[in-house]
C-alpha atoms as a PDB file:
ATOM      1  CA  MET A   1      27.855  -9.026  98.602  1.00  0.00           C
ATOM      2  CA  SER A   2      25.608 -11.099  96.413  1.00  0.00           C
ATOM      3  CA  ARG A   3      26.829 -13.050  93.426  1.00  0.00           C
ATOM      4  CA  LYS A   4      24.937 -10.735  91.095  1.00  0.00           C
ATOM      5  CA  ASP A   5      26.723  -7.661  92.498  1.00  0.00           C
ATOM      6  CA  ALA A   6      30.136  -9.315  92.270  1.00  0.00           C
ATOM      7  CA  SER A   7      30.099  -9.986  88.534  1.00  0.00           C
ATOM      8  CA  PRO A   8      27.475  -8.078  86.561  1.00  0.00           C
ATOM      9  CA  GLN A   9      29.063  -8.918  83.204  1.00  0.00           C
ATOM     10  CA  SER A  10      29.025 -12.650  83.753  1.00  0.00           C
ATOM     11  CA  SER A  11      25.366 -12.621  84.762  1.00  0.00           C
ATOM     12  CA  ALA A  12      24.489 -10.528  81.696  1.00  0.00           C
ATOM     13  CA  SER A  13      26.303 -12.900  79.369  1.00  0.00           C
ATOM     14  CA  ALA A  14      24.716 -15.861  81.139  1.00  0.00           C
ATOM     15  CA  ARG A  15      21.305 -14.384  80.351  1.00  0.00           C
ATOM     16  CA  ARG A  16      22.174 -13.983  76.670  1.00  0.00           C
ATOM     17  CA  ILE A  17      23.473 -17.497  76.110  1.00  0.00           C
ATOM     18  CA  PRO A  18      20.133 -19.271  76.641  1.00  0.00           C
ATOM     19  CA  VAL A  19      18.480 -16.863  74.205  1.00  0.00           C
ATOM     20  CA  ARG A  20      20.990 -17.805  71.519  1.00  0.00           C
ATOM     21  CA  ILE A  21      20.534 -21.463  72.277  1.00  0.00           C
ATOM     22  CA  LEU A  22      16.752 -21.136  72.216  1.00  0.00           C
ATOM     23  CA  SER A  23      16.746 -19.200  68.957  1.00  0.00           C
ATOM     24  CA  GLY A  24      18.932 -21.892  67.393  1.00  0.00           C
ATOM     25  CA  ILE A  25      16.576 -24.573  68.638  1.00  0.00           C
ATOM     26  CA  THR A  26      13.606 -22.615  67.296  1.00  0.00           C
ATOM     27  CA  VAL A  27      15.211 -22.376  63.855  1.00  0.00           C
ATOM     28  CA  GLN A  28      15.986 -26.095  63.923  1.00  0.00           C
ATOM     29  CA  LEU A  29      12.427 -26.915  64.987  1.00  0.00           C
ATOM     30  CA  HIS A  30      11.059 -24.789  62.141  1.00  0.00           C
ATOM     31  CA  ARG A  31      13.246 -26.624  59.634  1.00  0.00           C
ATOM     32  CA  ASN A  32      12.213 -29.978  61.051  1.00  0.00           C
ATOM     33  CA  THR A  33       8.555 -28.964  60.979  1.00  0.00           C
ATOM     34  CA  HIS A  34       8.845 -27.915  57.336  1.00  0.00           C
ATOM     35  CA  LYS A  35      10.613 -31.167  56.421  1.00  0.00           C
ATOM     36  CA  GLN A  36       8.018 -33.224  58.304  1.00  0.00           C
ATOM     37  CA  ALA A  37       5.209 -31.303  56.622  1.00  0.00           C
ATOM     38  CA  GLU A  38       6.711 -31.999  53.193  1.00  0.00           C
ATOM     39  CA  GLN A  39       6.850 -35.721  54.017  1.00  0.00           C
ATOM     40  CA  ILE A  40       3.260 -35.692  55.278  1.00  0.00           C
ATOM     41  CA  LEU A  41       2.127 -33.916  52.124  1.00  0.00           C
ATOM     42  CA  ARG A  42       3.787 -36.577  49.960  1.00  0.00           C
ATOM     43  CA  GLY A  43       2.214 -39.327  52.088  1.00  0.00           C
ATOM     44  CA  GLU A  44       5.584 -40.621  53.285  1.00  0.00           C
ATOM     45  CA  GLN A  45       4.770 -40.064  56.941  1.00  0.00           C
ATOM     46  CA  PRO A  46       1.575 -39.847  59.009  1.00  0.00           C
ATOM     47  CA  ALA A  47       0.788 -36.570  60.750  1.00  0.00           C
ATOM     48  CA  LYS A  48       1.588 -37.097  64.429  1.00  0.00           C
ATOM     49  CA  GLY A  49       1.461 -33.598  65.847  1.00  0.00           C
ATOM     50  CA  LEU A  50      -0.897 -30.729  65.276  1.00  0.00           C
ATOM     51  CA  GLN A  51       1.887 -28.406  64.111  1.00  0.00           C
ATOM     52  CA  TYR A  52       2.904 -30.820  61.348  1.00  0.00           C
ATOM     53  CA  ALA A  53      -0.648 -31.224  60.111  1.00  0.00           C
ATOM     54  CA  LYS A  54      -1.177 -27.462  60.060  1.00  0.00           C
ATOM     55  CA  ARG A  55       2.062 -26.914  58.153  1.00  0.00           C
ATOM     56  CA  ALA A  56       1.167 -29.645  55.662  1.00  0.00           C
ATOM     57  CA  LYS A  57      -2.240 -28.044  55.068  1.00  0.00           C
ATOM     58  CA  LYS A  58      -0.590 -24.672  54.557  1.00  0.00           C
ATOM     59  CA  LEU A  59       1.868 -26.125  52.052  1.00  0.00           C
ATOM     60  CA  ALA A  60      -0.957 -27.890  50.237  1.00  0.00           C
ATOM     61  CA  SER A  61      -2.998 -24.698  49.976  1.00  0.00           C
ATOM     62  CA  GLU A  62       0.058 -22.763  48.752  1.00  0.00           C
ATOM     63  CA  ARG A  63       0.686 -25.370  46.078  1.00  0.00           C
ATOM     64  CA  LYS A  64      -2.981 -25.426  45.075  1.00  0.00           C
ATOM     65  CA  ALA A  65      -2.932 -21.659  44.733  1.00  0.00           C
ATOM     66  CA  THR A  66       0.129 -21.932  42.503  1.00  0.00           C
ATOM     67  CA  ILE A  67      -1.535 -24.605  40.378  1.00  0.00           C
ATOM     68  CA  ASP A  68      -4.729 -22.544  40.135  1.00  0.00           C
ATOM     69  CA  LEU A  69      -2.735 -19.538  38.982  1.00  0.00           C
ATOM     70  CA  ASP A  70      -0.962 -21.663  36.387  1.00  0.00           C
ATOM     71  CA  ASN A  71      -4.278 -23.013  35.100  1.00  0.00           C
ATOM     72  CA  GLU A  72      -5.736 -19.511  34.890  1.00  0.00           C
ATOM     73  CA  HIS A  73      -2.651 -18.368  33.034  1.00  0.00           C
ATOM     74  CA  LEU A  74      -2.991 -21.250  30.584  1.00  0.00           C
ATOM     75  CA  SER A  75      -6.654 -20.487  29.975  1.00  0.00           C
ATOM     76  CA  GLU A  76      -5.748 -16.864  29.246  1.00  0.00           C
ATOM     77  CA  ILE A  77      -3.155 -18.021  26.732  1.00  0.00           C
ATOM     78  CA  GLU A  78      -5.707 -20.311  25.068  1.00  0.00           C
ATOM     79  CA  LYS A  79      -8.023 -17.323  24.482  1.00  0.00           C
ATOM     80  CA  TYR A  80      -5.444 -15.660  22.264  1.00  0.00           C
ATOM     81  CA  ARG A  81      -4.527 -18.672  20.127  1.00  0.00           C
END
């Protein structure tokens, strides 16, 4: 009898545990990437990895879009003064 046949529940739970661990690591990596990207954007840290540089660019473009929208909104307000 193989080990797999002897305890099907334990092998199933053993397969699930790494997934939980990996998903936790993925979440932590995402948070770290976001934090690193924020620091890169502020100039506090040089971009070392491609993922950090991409995230920093994305954050910068999101912020620029927000600023552009604010400026457009202000110009619309100025028209009605």
